[in-house]
Structures are given as structure tokens and as C-alpha cells.
Amino acid sequence: MKTFYLGFSEEEIVNKAEEIIAEELEEKNRKSRFCYTPTEIAKLYNMSGNDLNSFLKDQGIIRKQEGAWCLTRKYIHRDLARHRYIAKTNQKGQLMFKAKLVWTDKGKDFIKQLIKY
């Protein structure tokens, strides 16, 4: 038996919610569209993404904040990195957006200079 809410089926409501979430993610990720993940950059140096993040943390460039990597205060306004978001649901079924640090072309070049020395 189909359930209807205000004249809409449950399937229609779920489809509309998914459409709204997709639009929100597209807007949030617009500025990070052409950025590189730590793993993509790390592969250039035969490293893993985790190794690269550890190296950048040791250099004082990134830090963990609320479970996500972010630039430290010294580097935050240099256009080196941005955040890319993914939608997840928690154990209670609530929608959450999780941020992942990604690197701009300028950031990729910055990392290259760090690793060279």
C-alpha cells in the first residue's frame, strides 16, 4: 500500500529530497571542482594520501578540526586548498555534510616545492 503525504507519494518526496541534496552539494562544491585530492597529489611522489597529510601536518600546514583536515591559520588565505563536501547520514538517519580538504593548482605547486627540498 502506498502512503501519501499532502498529495505526494513517499517515493515522490524521497526523489525531491535527493534532488535538493544534489543541488546543495553541487553549489557547495563549485569552487573545488578542479582541485586535487591528497591521494592524487601523493601518487606523484610515490606516497599515499595519508602519508602526504602526515607530512603536511608535521610541516604545520594542515591540522585536524572536528575530524576534518583544514589549513592552519598561516596558510588559510593563500588559495592553496578548498573543501569538497559529501553527504552522509549518521546513525540516527540525519543528513550531514562531511568536508574533505582538496588542493588547488597553486596548492599542488606549493606541495611540490615542499617535497623538493
PDB file of N, CA and C in Angstrom:
ATOM      1  N   MET A   1       0.840  -1.166   0.000  1.00  0.00           N
ATOM      2  CA  MET A   1       0.000   0.000   0.000  1.00  0.00           C
ATOM      3  C   MET A   1       0.897   1.244   0.000  1.00  0.00           C
ATOM      4  N   LYS A   2       0.614   2.155  -0.911  1.00  0.00           N
ATOM      5  CA  LYS A   2       1.355   3.417  -0.991  1.00  0.00           C
ATOM      6  C   LYS A   2       0.810   4.395   0.035  1.00  0.00           C
ATOM      7  N   THR A   3       1.743   5.112   0.663  1.00  0.00           N
ATOM      8  CA  THR A   3       1.353   6.142   1.617  1.00  0.00           C
ATOM      9  C   THR A   3       1.501   7.499   0.951  1.00  0.00           C
ATOM     10  N   PHE A   4       0.535   8.379   1.162  1.00  0.00           N
ATOM     11  CA  PHE A   4       0.564   9.713   0.566  1.00  0.00           C
ATOM     12  C   PHE A   4       0.585  10.768   1.666  1.00  0.00           C
ATOM     13  N   TYR A   5       1.393  11.798   1.439  1.00  0.00           N
ATOM     14  CA  TYR A   5       1.503  12.922   2.368  1.00  0.00           C
ATOM     15  C   TYR A   5       1.198  14.194   1.583  1.00  0.00           C
ATOM     16  N   LEU A   6       0.143  14.876   1.953  1.00  0.00           N
ATOM     17  CA  LEU A   6      -0.259  16.113   1.272  1.00  0.00           C
ATOM     18  C   LEU A   6      -0.348  15.932  -0.244  1.00  0.00           C
ATOM     19  N   GLY A   7      -0.807  14.770  -0.662  1.00  0.00           N
ATOM     20  CA  GLY A   7      -0.999  14.507  -2.083  1.00  0.00           C
ATOM     21  C   GLY A   7       0.233  13.981  -2.805  1.00  0.00           C
ATOM     22  N   PHE A   8       1.335  13.776  -2.084  1.00  0.00           N
ATOM     23  CA  PHE A   8       2.560  13.262  -2.700  1.00  0.00           C
ATOM     24  C   PHE A   8       2.849  11.871  -2.152  1.00  0.00           C
ATOM     25  N   SER A   9       3.318  11.007  -3.028  1.00  0.00           N
ATOM     26  CA  SER A   9       3.702   9.675  -2.572  1.00  0.00           C
ATOM     27  C   SER A   9       5.044   9.748  -1.852  1.00  0.00           C
ATOM     28  N   GLU A  10       5.321   8.761  -1.048  1.00  0.00           N
ATOM     29  CA  GLU A  10       6.599   8.691  -0.330  1.00  0.00           C
ATOM     30  C   GLU A  10       7.758   8.703  -1.326  1.00  0.00           C
ATOM     31  N   GLU A  11       7.608   8.009  -2.433  1.00  0.00           N
ATOM     32  CA  GLU A  11       8.651   7.960  -3.473  1.00  0.00           C
ATOM     33  C   GLU A  11       8.901   9.350  -4.065  1.00  0.00           C
ATOM     34  N   GLU A  12       7.831  10.109  -4.317  1.00  0.00           N
ATOM     35  CA  GLU A  12       7.988  11.465  -4.855  1.00  0.00           C
ATOM     36  C   GLU A  12       8.723  12.374  -3.866  1.00  0.00           C
ATOM     37  N   ILE A  13       8.429  12.224  -2.603  1.00  0.00           N
ATOM     38  CA  ILE A  13       9.081  13.038  -1.576  1.00  0.00           C
ATOM     39  C   ILE A  13      10.562  12.686  -1.480  1.00  0.00           C
ATOM     40  N   VAL A  14      10.868  11.396  -1.495  1.00  0.00           N
ATOM     41  CA  VAL A  14      12.273  10.961  -1.442  1.00  0.00           C
ATOM     42  C   VAL A  14      13.028  11.454  -2.673  1.00  0.00           C
ATOM     43  N   ASN A  15      12.438  11.344  -3.847  1.00  0.00           N
ATOM     44  CA  ASN A  15      13.089  11.814  -5.073  1.00  0.00           C
ATOM     45  C   ASN A  15      13.359  13.313  -5.027  1.00  0.00           C
ATOM     46  N   LYS A  16      12.397  14.086  -4.526  1.00  0.00           N
ATOM     47  CA  LYS A  16      12.575  15.536  -4.423  1.00  0.00           C
ATOM     48  C   LYS A  16      13.676  15.867  -3.402  1.00  0.00           C
ATOM     49  N   ALA A  17      13.719  15.145  -2.302  1.00  0.00           N
ATOM     50  CA  ALA A  17      14.754  15.363  -1.284  1.00  0.00           C
ATOM     51  C   ALA A  17      16.134  15.070  -1.871  1.00  0.00           C
ATOM     52  N   GLU A  18      16.258  13.985  -2.624  1.00  0.00           N
ATOM     53  CA  GLU A  18      17.539  13.647  -3.258  1.00  0.00           C
ATOM     54  C   GLU A  18      17.955  14.721  -4.262  1.00  0.00           C
ATOM     55  N   GLU A  19      17.002  15.263  -4.984  1.00  0.00           N
ATOM     56  CA  GLU A  19      17.275  16.341  -5.943  1.00  0.00           C
ATOM     57  C   GLU A  19      17.780  17.598  -5.218  1.00  0.00           C
ATOM     58  N   ILE A  20      17.159  17.931  -4.110  1.00  0.00           N
ATOM     59  CA  ILE A  20      17.569  19.107  -3.329  1.00  0.00           C
ATOM     60  C   ILE A  20      18.980  18.898  -2.770  1.00  0.00           C
ATOM     61  N   ILE A  21      19.262  17.715  -2.261  1.00  0.00           N
ATOM     62  CA  ILE A  21      20.603  17.406  -1.724  1.00  0.00           C
ATOM     63  C   ILE A  21      21.642  17.500  -2.829  1.00  0.00           C
ATOM     64  N   ALA A  22      21.356  16.955  -3.987  1.00  0.00           N
ATOM     65  CA  ALA A  22      22.297  17.010  -5.115  1.00  0.00           C
ATOM     66  C   ALA A  22      22.576  18.457  -5.518  1.00  0.00           C
ATOM     67  N   GLU A  23      21.549  19.291  -5.554  1.00  0.00           N
ATOM     68  CA  GLU A  23      21.731  20.710  -5.893  1.00  0.00           C
ATOM     69  C   GLU A  23      22.582  21.421  -4.844  1.00  0.00           C
ATOM     70  N   GLU A  24      22.340  21.115  -3.587  1.00  0.00           N
ATOM     71  CA  GLU A  24      23.108  21.720  -2.492  1.00  0.00           C
ATOM     72  C   GLU A  24      24.585  21.319  -2.589  1.00  0.00           C
ATOM     73  N   LEU A  25      24.841  20.037  -2.844  1.00  0.00           N
ATOM     74  CA  LEU A  25      26.223  19.569  -2.986  1.00  0.00           C
ATOM     75  C   LEU A  25      26.908  20.214  -4.184  1.00  0.00           C
ATOM     76  N   GLU A  26      26.198  20.334  -5.283  1.00  0.00           N
ATOM     77  CA  GLU A  26      26.766  20.972  -6.465  1.00  0.00           C
ATOM     78  C   GLU A  26      27.181  22.411  -6.165  1.00  0.00           C
ATOM     79  N   GLU A  27      26.332  23.130  -5.450  1.00  0.00           N
ATOM     80  CA  GLU A  27      26.641  24.515  -5.090  1.00  0.00           C
ATOM     81  C   GLU A  27      27.823  24.581  -4.124  1.00  0.00           C
ATOM     82  N   LYS A  28      27.824  23.735  -3.096  1.00  0.00           N
ATOM     83  CA  LYS A  28      28.910  23.731  -2.115  1.00  0.00           C
ATOM     84  C   LYS A  28      30.251  23.369  -2.763  1.00  0.00           C
ATOM     85  N   ASN A  29      30.230  22.520  -3.784  1.00  0.00           N
ATOM     86  CA  ASN A  29      31.462  22.008  -4.387  1.00  0.00           C
ATOM     87  C   ASN A  29      31.909  22.759  -5.639  1.00  0.00           C
ATOM     88  N   ARG A  30      31.183  23.797  -6.003  1.00  0.00           N
ATOM     89  CA  ARG A  30      31.502  24.540  -7.226  1.00  0.00           C
ATOM     90  C   ARG A  30      32.954  25.014  -7.248  1.00  0.00           C
ATOM     91  N   LYS A  31      33.442  25.582  -6.160  1.00  0.00           N
ATOM     92  CA  LYS A  31      34.799  26.128  -6.126  1.00  0.00           C
ATOM     93  C   LYS A  31      35.879  25.055  -6.023  1.00  0.00           C
ATOM     94  N   SER A  32      35.509  23.844  -5.686  1.00  0.00           N
ATOM     95  CA  SER A  32      36.507  22.774  -5.550  1.00  0.00           C
ATOM     96  C   SER A  32      36.488  21.801  -6.731  1.00  0.00           C
ATOM     97  N   ARG A  33      35.744  22.146  -7.766  1.00  0.00           N
ATOM     98  CA  ARG A  33      35.536  21.241  -8.895  1.00  0.00           C
ATOM     99  C   ARG A  33      36.840  20.765  -9.539  1.00  0.00           C
ATOM    100  N   PHE A  34      37.802  21.654  -9.712  1.00  0.00           N
ATOM    101  CA  PHE A  34      39.031  21.282 -10.417  1.00  0.00           C
ATOM    102  C   PHE A  34      40.216  21.123  -9.472  1.00  0.00           C
ATOM    103  N   CYS A  35      39.943  20.812  -8.229  1.00  0.00           N
ATOM    104  CA  CYS A  35      41.003  20.625  -7.239  1.00  0.00           C
ATOM    105  C   CYS A  35      41.437  19.161  -7.178  1.00  0.00           C
ATOM    106  N   TYR A  36      42.555  18.942  -6.513  1.00  0.00           N
ATOM    107  CA  TYR A  36      43.158  17.617  -6.409  1.00  0.00           C
ATOM    108  C   TYR A  36      43.005  17.063  -4.996  1.00  0.00           C
ATOM    109  N   THR A  37      42.737  15.775  -4.903  1.00  0.00           N
ATOM    110  CA  THR A  37      42.688  15.132  -3.596  1.00  0.00           C
ATOM    111  C   THR A  37      44.120  14.889  -3.120  1.00  0.00           C
ATOM    112  N   PRO A  38      44.312  14.703  -1.812  1.00  0.00           N
ATOM    113  CA  PRO A  38      45.649  14.362  -1.320  1.00  0.00           C
ATOM    114  C   PRO A  38      46.202  13.103  -1.988  1.00  0.00           C
ATOM    115  N   THR A  39      45.365  12.142  -2.245  1.00  0.00           N
ATOM    116  CA  THR A  39      45.811  10.895  -2.886  1.00  0.00           C
ATOM    117  C   THR A  39      46.325  11.152  -4.294  1.00  0.00           C
ATOM    118  N   GLU A  40      45.639  12.007  -5.049  1.00  0.00           N
ATOM    119  CA  GLU A  40      46.088  12.315  -6.413  1.00  0.00           C
ATOM    120  C   GLU A  40      47.464  12.975  -6.402  1.00  0.00           C
ATOM    121  N   ILE A  41      47.677  13.892  -5.476  1.00  0.00           N
ATOM    122  CA  ILE A  41      48.974  14.561  -5.384  1.00  0.00           C
ATOM    123  C   ILE A  41      50.031  13.597  -4.870  1.00  0.00           C
ATOM    124  N   ALA A  42      49.687  12.825  -3.863  1.00  0.00           N
ATOM    125  CA  ALA A  42      50.645  11.901  -3.242  1.00  0.00           C
ATOM    126  C   ALA A  42      51.185  10.880  -4.248  1.00  0.00           C
ATOM    127  N   LYS A  43      50.349  10.422  -5.160  1.00  0.00           N
ATOM    128  CA  LYS A  43      50.779   9.433  -6.160  1.00  0.00           C
ATOM    129  C   LYS A  43      51.941   9.953  -6.998  1.00  0.00           C
ATOM    130  N   LEU A  44      52.021  11.262  -7.189  1.00  0.00           N
ATOM    131  CA  LEU A  44      53.114  11.849  -7.965  1.00  0.00           C
ATOM    132  C   LEU A  44      54.464  11.632  -7.282  1.00  0.00           C
ATOM    133  N   TYR A  45      54.431  11.390  -5.973  1.00  0.00           N
ATOM    134  CA  TYR A  45      55.655  11.242  -5.180  1.00  0.00           C
ATOM    135  C   TYR A  45      55.759   9.853  -4.554  1.00  0.00           C
ATOM    136  N   ASN A  46      55.031   8.893  -5.110  1.00  0.00           N
ATOM    137  CA  ASN A  46      55.016   7.511  -4.607  1.00  0.00           C
ATOM    138  C   ASN A  46      54.669   7.451  -3.124  1.00  0.00           C
ATOM    139  N   MET A  47      53.688   8.233  -2.745  1.00  0.00           N
ATOM    140  CA  MET A  47      53.206   8.272  -1.364  1.00  0.00           C
ATOM    141  C   MET A  47      51.718   7.931  -1.357  1.00  0.00           C
ATOM    142  N   SER A  48      51.200   7.710  -0.167  1.00  0.00           N
ATOM    143  CA  SER A  48      49.744   7.573  -0.015  1.00  0.00           C
ATOM    144  C   SER A  48      49.188   8.929   0.412  1.00  0.00           C
ATOM    145  N   GLY A  49      47.898   9.086   0.279  1.00  0.00           N
ATOM    146  CA  GLY A  49      47.257  10.314   0.727  1.00  0.00           C
ATOM    147  C   GLY A  49      47.459  10.539   2.221  1.00  0.00           C
ATOM    148  N   ASN A  50      47.401   9.461   3.010  1.00  0.00           N
ATOM    149  CA  ASN A  50      47.626   9.575   4.454  1.00  0.00           C
ATOM    150  C   ASN A  50      49.050  10.021   4.761  1.00  0.00           C
ATOM    151  N   ASP A  51      50.031   9.490   4.002  1.00  0.00           N
ATOM    152  CA  ASP A  51      51.427   9.904   4.198  1.00  0.00           C
ATOM    153  C   ASP A  51      51.596  11.392   3.891  1.00  0.00           C
ATOM    154  N   LEU A  52      50.973  11.839   2.811  1.00  0.00           N
ATOM    155  CA  LEU A  52      51.069  13.256   2.452  1.00  0.00           C
ATOM    156  C   LEU A  52      50.445  14.123   3.543  1.00  0.00           C
ATOM    157  N   ASN A  53      49.269  13.737   4.027  1.00  0.00           N
ATOM    158  CA  ASN A  53      48.627  14.505   5.094  1.00  0.00           C
ATOM    159  C   ASN A  53      49.492  14.535   6.353  1.00  0.00           C
ATOM    160  N   SER A  54      50.118  13.420   6.689  1.00  0.00           N
ATOM    161  CA  SER A  54      51.007  13.391   7.859  1.00  0.00           C
ATOM    162  C   SER A  54      52.187  14.335   7.666  1.00  0.00           C
ATOM    163  N   PHE A  55      52.758  14.321   6.466  1.00  0.00           N
ATOM    164  CA  PHE A  55      53.878  15.211   6.150  1.00  0.00           C
ATOM    165  C   PHE A  55      53.451  16.676   6.284  1.00  0.00           C
ATOM    166  N   LEU A  56      52.305  17.020   5.713  1.00  0.00           N
ATOM    167  CA  LEU A  56      51.818  18.399   5.764  1.00  0.00           C
ATOM    168  C   LEU A  56      51.466  18.813   7.193  1.00  0.00           C
ATOM    169  N   LYS A  57      50.979  17.876   7.977  1.00  0.00           N
ATOM    170  CA  LYS A  57      50.700  18.158   9.393  1.00  0.00           C
ATOM    171  C   LYS A  57      52.012  18.440  10.121  1.00  0.00           C
ATOM    172  N   ASP A  58      53.021  17.608   9.898  1.00  0.00           N
ATOM    173  CA  ASP A  58      54.328  17.803  10.537  1.00  0.00           C
ATOM    174  C   ASP A  58      54.964  19.136  10.150  1.00  0.00           C
ATOM    175  N   GLN A  59      54.653  19.620   8.948  1.00  0.00           N
ATOM    176  CA  GLN A  59      55.178  20.899   8.476  1.00  0.00           C
ATOM    177  C   GLN A  59      54.370  22.088   9.000  1.00  0.00           C
ATOM    178  N   GLY A  60      53.277  21.810   9.705  1.00  0.00           N
ATOM    179  CA  GLY A  60      52.444  22.875  10.258  1.00  0.00           C
ATOM    180  C   GLY A  60      51.527  23.529   9.241  1.00  0.00           C
ATOM    181  N   ILE A  61      51.231  22.820   8.162  1.00  0.00           N
ATOM    182  CA  ILE A  61      50.410  23.379   7.085  1.00  0.00           C
ATOM    183  C   ILE A  61      48.934  23.019   7.247  1.00  0.00           C
ATOM    184  N   ILE A  62      48.671  21.813   7.716  1.00  0.00           N
ATOM    185  CA  ILE A  62      47.292  21.388   7.948  1.00  0.00           C
ATOM    186  C   ILE A  62      47.154  20.866   9.374  1.00  0.00           C
ATOM    187  N   ARG A  63      45.895  20.826   9.818  1.00  0.00           N
ATOM    188  CA  ARG A  63      45.584  20.268  11.136  1.00  0.00           C
ATOM    189  C   ARG A  63      44.180  19.681  11.075  1.00  0.00           C
ATOM    190  N   LYS A  64      43.886  18.834  12.022  1.00  0.00           N
ATOM    191  CA  LYS A  64      42.543  18.260  12.103  1.00  0.00           C
ATOM    192  C   LYS A  64      41.666  19.168  12.949  1.00  0.00           C
ATOM    193  N   GLN A  65      40.474  19.425  12.441  1.00  0.00           N
ATOM    194  CA  GLN A  65      39.493  20.207  13.181  1.00  0.00           C
ATOM    195  C   GLN A  65      38.143  19.530  13.014  1.00  0.00           C
ATOM    196  N   GLU A  66      37.572  19.108  14.108  1.00  0.00           N
ATOM    197  CA  GLU A  66      36.285  18.406  14.089  1.00  0.00           C
ATOM    198  C   GLU A  66      36.296  17.231  13.117  1.00  0.00           C
ATOM    199  N   GLY A  67      37.401  16.503  13.092  1.00  0.00           N
ATOM    200  CA  GLY A  67      37.507  15.294  12.286  1.00  0.00           C
ATOM    201  C   GLY A  67      37.866  15.510  10.827  1.00  0.00           C
ATOM    202  N   ALA A  68      38.082  16.758  10.414  1.00  0.00           N
ATOM    203  CA  ALA A  68      38.421  17.043   9.014  1.00  0.00           C
ATOM    204  C   ALA A  68      39.728  17.833   8.952  1.00  0.00           C
ATOM    205  N   TRP A  69      40.505  17.592   7.904  1.00  0.00           N
ATOM    206  CA  TRP A  69      41.731  18.350   7.699  1.00  0.00           C
ATOM    207  C   TRP A  69      41.386  19.759   7.239  1.00  0.00           C
ATOM    208  N   CYS A  70      42.142  20.721   7.728  1.00  0.00           N
ATOM    209  CA  CYS A  70      41.999  22.099   7.271  1.00  0.00           C
ATOM    210  C   CYS A  70      43.359  22.779   7.334  1.00  0.00           C
ATOM    211  N   LEU A  71      43.502  23.853   6.601  1.00  0.00           N
ATOM    212  CA  LEU A  71      44.747  24.607   6.623  1.00  0.00           C
ATOM    213  C   LEU A  71      44.910  25.297   7.973  1.00  0.00           C
ATOM    214  N   THR A  72      46.156  25.446   8.408  1.00  0.00           N
ATOM    215  CA  THR A  72      46.421  26.198   9.621  1.00  0.00           C
ATOM    216  C   THR A  72      46.260  27.689   9.316  1.00  0.00           C
ATOM    217  N   ARG A  73      46.147  28.474  10.351  1.00  0.00           N
ATOM    218  CA  ARG A  73      45.885  29.909  10.213  1.00  0.00           C
ATOM    219  C   ARG A  73      46.881  30.590   9.263  1.00  0.00           C
ATOM    220  N   LYS A  74      48.152  30.207   9.327  1.00  0.00           N
ATOM    221  CA  LYS A  74      49.192  30.837   8.499  1.00  0.00           C
ATOM    222  C   LYS A  74      48.924  30.672   6.998  1.00  0.00           C
ATOM    223  N   TYR A  75      48.268  29.589   6.610  1.00  0.00           N
ATOM    224  CA  TYR A  75      48.106  29.262   5.187  1.00  0.00           C
ATOM    225  C   TYR A  75      46.678  29.430   4.666  1.00  0.00           C
ATOM    226  N   ILE A  76      45.766  29.774   5.528  1.00  0.00           N
ATOM    227  CA  ILE A  76      44.345  29.742   5.162  1.00  0.00           C
ATOM    228  C   ILE A  76      43.955  30.710   4.042  1.00  0.00           C
ATOM    229  N   HIS A  77      44.615  31.847   3.919  1.00  0.00           N
ATOM    230  CA  HIS A  77      44.217  32.849   2.919  1.00  0.00           C
ATOM    231  C   HIS A  77      45.147  32.885   1.706  1.00  0.00           C
ATOM    232  N   ARG A  78      45.776  31.777   1.395  1.00  0.00           N
ATOM    233  CA  ARG A  78      46.723  31.740   0.267  1.00  0.00           C
ATOM    234  C   ARG A  78      46.189  31.006  -0.953  1.00  0.00           C
ATOM    235  N   ASP A  79      44.923  30.650  -0.951  1.00  0.00           N
ATOM    236  CA  ASP A  79      44.283  29.949  -2.071  1.00  0.00           C
ATOM    237  C   ASP A  79      44.996  28.637  -2.407  1.00  0.00           C
ATOM    238  N   LEU A  80      45.433  27.918  -1.385  1.00  0.00           N
ATOM    239  CA  LEU A  80      46.119  26.643  -1.591  1.00  0.00           C
ATOM    240  C   LEU A  80      45.150  25.468  -1.631  1.00  0.00           C
ATOM    241  N   ALA A  81      44.071  25.583  -0.886  1.00  0.00           N
ATOM    242  CA  ALA A  81      43.151  24.446  -0.760  1.00  0.00           C
ATOM    243  C   ALA A  81      41.725  24.933  -0.566  1.00  0.00           C
ATOM    244  N   ARG A  82      40.826  24.004  -0.786  1.00  0.00           N
ATOM    245  CA  ARG A  82      39.397  24.249  -0.576  1.00  0.00           C
ATOM    246  C   ARG A  82      38.817  22.998   0.059  1.00  0.00           C
ATOM    247  N   HIS A  83      37.546  23.045   0.361  1.00  0.00           N
ATOM    248  CA  HIS A  83      36.875  21.856   0.872  1.00  0.00           C
ATOM    249  C   HIS A  83      35.881  21.339  -0.160  1.00  0.00           C
ATOM    250  N   ARG A  84      35.825  20.035  -0.253  1.00  0.00           N
ATOM    251  CA  ARG A  84      34.835  19.357  -1.084  1.00  0.00           C
ATOM    252  C   ARG A  84      33.933  18.587  -0.121  1.00  0.00           C
ATOM    253  N   TYR A  85      32.647  18.630  -0.355  1.00  0.00           N
ATOM    254  CA  TYR A  85      31.688  18.055   0.580  1.00  0.00           C
ATOM    255  C   TYR A  85      31.014  16.817   0.004  1.00  0.00           C
ATOM    256  N   ILE A  86      30.727  15.884   0.906  1.00  0.00           N
ATOM    257  CA  ILE A  86      29.931  14.708   0.560  1.00  0.00           C
ATOM    258  C   ILE A  86      28.781  14.626   1.559  1.00  0.00           C
ATOM    259  N   ALA A  87      27.674  14.078   1.129  1.00  0.00           N
ATOM    260  CA  ALA A  87      26.510  13.918   2.000  1.00  0.00           C
ATOM    261  C   ALA A  87      26.538  12.523   2.600  1.00  0.00           C
ATOM    262  N   LYS A  88      26.330  12.460   3.893  1.00  0.00           N
ATOM    263  CA  LYS A  88      26.269  11.181   4.606  1.00  0.00           C
ATOM    264  C   LYS A  88      25.121  11.249   5.602  1.00  0.00           C
ATOM    265  N   THR A  89      24.671  10.090   6.016  1.00  0.00           N
ATOM    266  CA  THR A  89      23.690  10.048   7.094  1.00  0.00           C
ATOM    267  C   THR A  89      24.364   9.454   8.320  1.00  0.00           C
ATOM    268  N   ASN A  90      24.032   9.998   9.473  1.00  0.00           N
ATOM    269  CA  ASN A  90      24.599   9.465  10.710  1.00  0.00           C
ATOM    270  C   ASN A  90      23.761   8.278  11.169  1.00  0.00           C
ATOM    271  N   GLN A  91      24.087   7.747  12.347  1.00  0.00           N
ATOM    272  CA  GLN A  91      23.386   6.554  12.851  1.00  0.00           C
ATOM    273  C   GLN A  91      21.908   6.812  13.128  1.00  0.00           C
ATOM    274  N   LYS A  92      21.557   8.068  13.324  1.00  0.00           N
ATOM    275  CA  LYS A  92      20.153   8.423  13.562  1.00  0.00           C
ATOM    276  C   LYS A  92      19.400   8.678  12.258  1.00  0.00           C
ATOM    277  N   GLY A  93      20.103   8.547  11.130  1.00  0.00           N
ATOM    278  CA  GLY A  93      19.477   8.785   9.841  1.00  0.00           C
ATOM    279  C   GLY A  93      19.441  10.249   9.436  1.00  0.00           C
ATOM    280  N   GLN A  94      20.140  11.105  10.180  1.00  0.00           N
ATOM    281  CA  GLN A  94      20.159  12.536   9.862  1.00  0.00           C
ATOM    282  C   GLN A  94      21.210  12.817   8.795  1.00  0.00           C
ATOM    283  N   LEU A  95      20.872  13.687   7.884  1.00  0.00           N
ATOM    284  CA  LEU A  95      21.775  14.066   6.810  1.00  0.00           C
ATOM    285  C   LEU A  95      22.860  14.995   7.341  1.00  0.00           C
ATOM    286  N   MET A  96      24.104  14.693   6.962  1.00  0.00           N
ATOM    287  CA  MET A  96      25.236  15.522   7.369  1.00  0.00           C
ATOM    288  C   MET A  96      26.130  15.725   6.153  1.00  0.00           C
ATOM    289  N   PHE A  97      26.791  16.874   6.110  1.00  0.00           N
ATOM    290  CA  PHE A  97      27.758  17.136   5.053  1.00  0.00           C
ATOM    291  C   PHE A  97      29.149  17.015   5.657  1.00  0.00           C
ATOM    292  N   LYS A  98      29.976  16.180   5.048  1.00  0.00           N
ATOM    293  CA  LYS A  98      31.335  15.972   5.533  1.00  0.00           C
ATOM    294  C   LYS A  98      32.307  16.651   4.572  1.00  0.00           C
ATOM    295  N   ALA A  99      33.255  17.399   5.141  1.00  0.00           N
ATOM    296  CA  ALA A  99      34.215  18.161   4.339  1.00  0.00           C
ATOM    297  C   ALA A  99      35.504  17.375   4.154  1.00  0.00           C
ATOM    298  N   LYS A 100      36.047  17.419   2.947  1.00  0.00           N
ATOM    299  CA  LYS A 100      37.348  16.824   2.619  1.00  0.00           C
ATOM    300  C   LYS A 100      38.219  17.926   2.036  1.00  0.00           C
ATOM    301  N   LEU A 101      39.460  18.019   2.504  1.00  0.00           N
ATOM    302  CA  LEU A 101      40.387  19.023   2.008  1.00  0.00           C
ATOM    303  C   LEU A 101      40.922  18.606   0.644  1.00  0.00           C
ATOM    304  N   VAL A 102      40.831  19.498  -0.330  1.00  0.00           N
ATOM    305  CA  VAL A 102      41.384  19.277  -1.669  1.00  0.00           C
ATOM    306  C   VAL A 102      42.259  20.475  -2.027  1.00  0.00           C
ATOM    307  N   TRP A 103      43.170  20.261  -2.950  1.00  0.00           N
ATOM    308  CA  TRP A 103      44.205  21.254  -3.241  1.00  0.00           C
ATOM    309  C   TRP A 103      44.013  21.895  -4.605  1.00  0.00           C
ATOM    310  N   THR A 104      44.195  23.215  -4.661  1.00  0.00           N
ATOM    311  CA  THR A 104      44.137  23.961  -5.913  1.00  0.00           C
ATOM    312  C   THR A 104      45.433  23.725  -6.690  1.00  0.00           C
ATOM    313  N   ASP A 105      45.507  24.230  -7.909  1.00  0.00           N
ATOM    314  CA  ASP A 105      46.757  24.152  -8.673  1.00  0.00           C
ATOM    315  C   ASP A 105      47.892  24.831  -7.905  1.00  0.00           C
ATOM    316  N   LYS A 106      47.589  25.973  -7.309  1.00  0.00           N
ATOM    317  CA  LYS A 106      48.579  26.699  -6.514  1.00  0.00           C
ATOM    318  C   LYS A 106      49.039  25.845  -5.327  1.00  0.00           C
ATOM    319  N   GLY A 107      48.104  25.155  -4.691  1.00  0.00           N
ATOM    320  CA  GLY A 107      48.430  24.272  -3.577  1.00  0.00           C
ATOM    321  C   GLY A 107      49.270  23.087  -4.012  1.00  0.00           C
ATOM    322  N   LYS A 108      48.944  22.533  -5.165  1.00  0.00           N
ATOM    323  CA  LYS A 108      49.717  21.410  -5.714  1.00  0.00           C
ATOM    324  C   LYS A 108      51.162  21.852  -5.971  1.00  0.00           C
ATOM    325  N   ASP A 109      51.362  23.038  -6.535  1.00  0.00           N
ATOM    326  CA  ASP A 109      52.702  23.572  -6.770  1.00  0.00           C
ATOM    327  C   ASP A 109      53.427  23.844  -5.450  1.00  0.00           C
ATOM    328  N   PHE A 110      52.687  24.334  -4.463  1.00  0.00           N
ATOM    329  CA  PHE A 110      53.252  24.591  -3.138  1.00  0.00           C
ATOM    330  C   PHE A 110      53.786  23.295  -2.528  1.00  0.00           C
ATOM    331  N   ILE A 111      53.000  22.234  -2.618  1.00  0.00           N
ATOM    332  CA  ILE A 111      53.418  20.933  -2.081  1.00  0.00           C
ATOM    333  C   ILE A 111      54.640  20.421  -2.832  1.00  0.00           C
ATOM    334  N   LYS A 112      54.652  20.608  -4.150  1.00  0.00           N
ATOM    335  CA  LYS A 112      55.803  20.188  -4.956  1.00  0.00           C
ATOM    336  C   LYS A 112      57.074  20.860  -4.459  1.00  0.00           C
ATOM    337  N   GLN A 113      57.018  22.152  -4.160  1.00  0.00           N
ATOM    338  CA  GLN A 113      58.180  22.876  -3.664  1.00  0.00           C
ATOM    339  C   GLN A 113      58.613  22.363  -2.292  1.00  0.00           C
ATOM    340  N   LEU A 114      57.657  22.030  -1.453  1.00  0.00           N
ATOM    341  CA  LEU A 114      57.977  21.493  -0.125  1.00  0.00           C
ATOM    342  C   LEU A 114      58.708  20.148  -0.224  1.00  0.00           C
ATOM    343  N   ILE A 115      58.228  19.297  -1.088  1.00  0.00           N
ATOM    344  CA  ILE A 115      58.771  17.950  -1.208  1.00  0.00           C
ATOM    345  C   ILE A 115      60.137  17.979  -1.885  1.00  0.00           C
ATOM    346  N   LYS A 116      60.375  18.919  -2.761  1.00  0.00           N
ATOM    347  CA  LYS A 116      61.664  19.031  -3.471  1.00  0.00           C
ATOM    348  C   LYS A 116      62.819  19.298  -2.503  1.00  0.00           C
ATOM    349  N   TYR A 117      62.534  20.011  -1.409  1.00  0.00           N
ATOM    350  CA  TYR A 117      63.622  20.418  -0.508  1.00  0.00           C
ATOM    351  C   TYR A 117      63.819  19.478   0.630  1.00  0.00           C
TER     352      TYR A 117
END
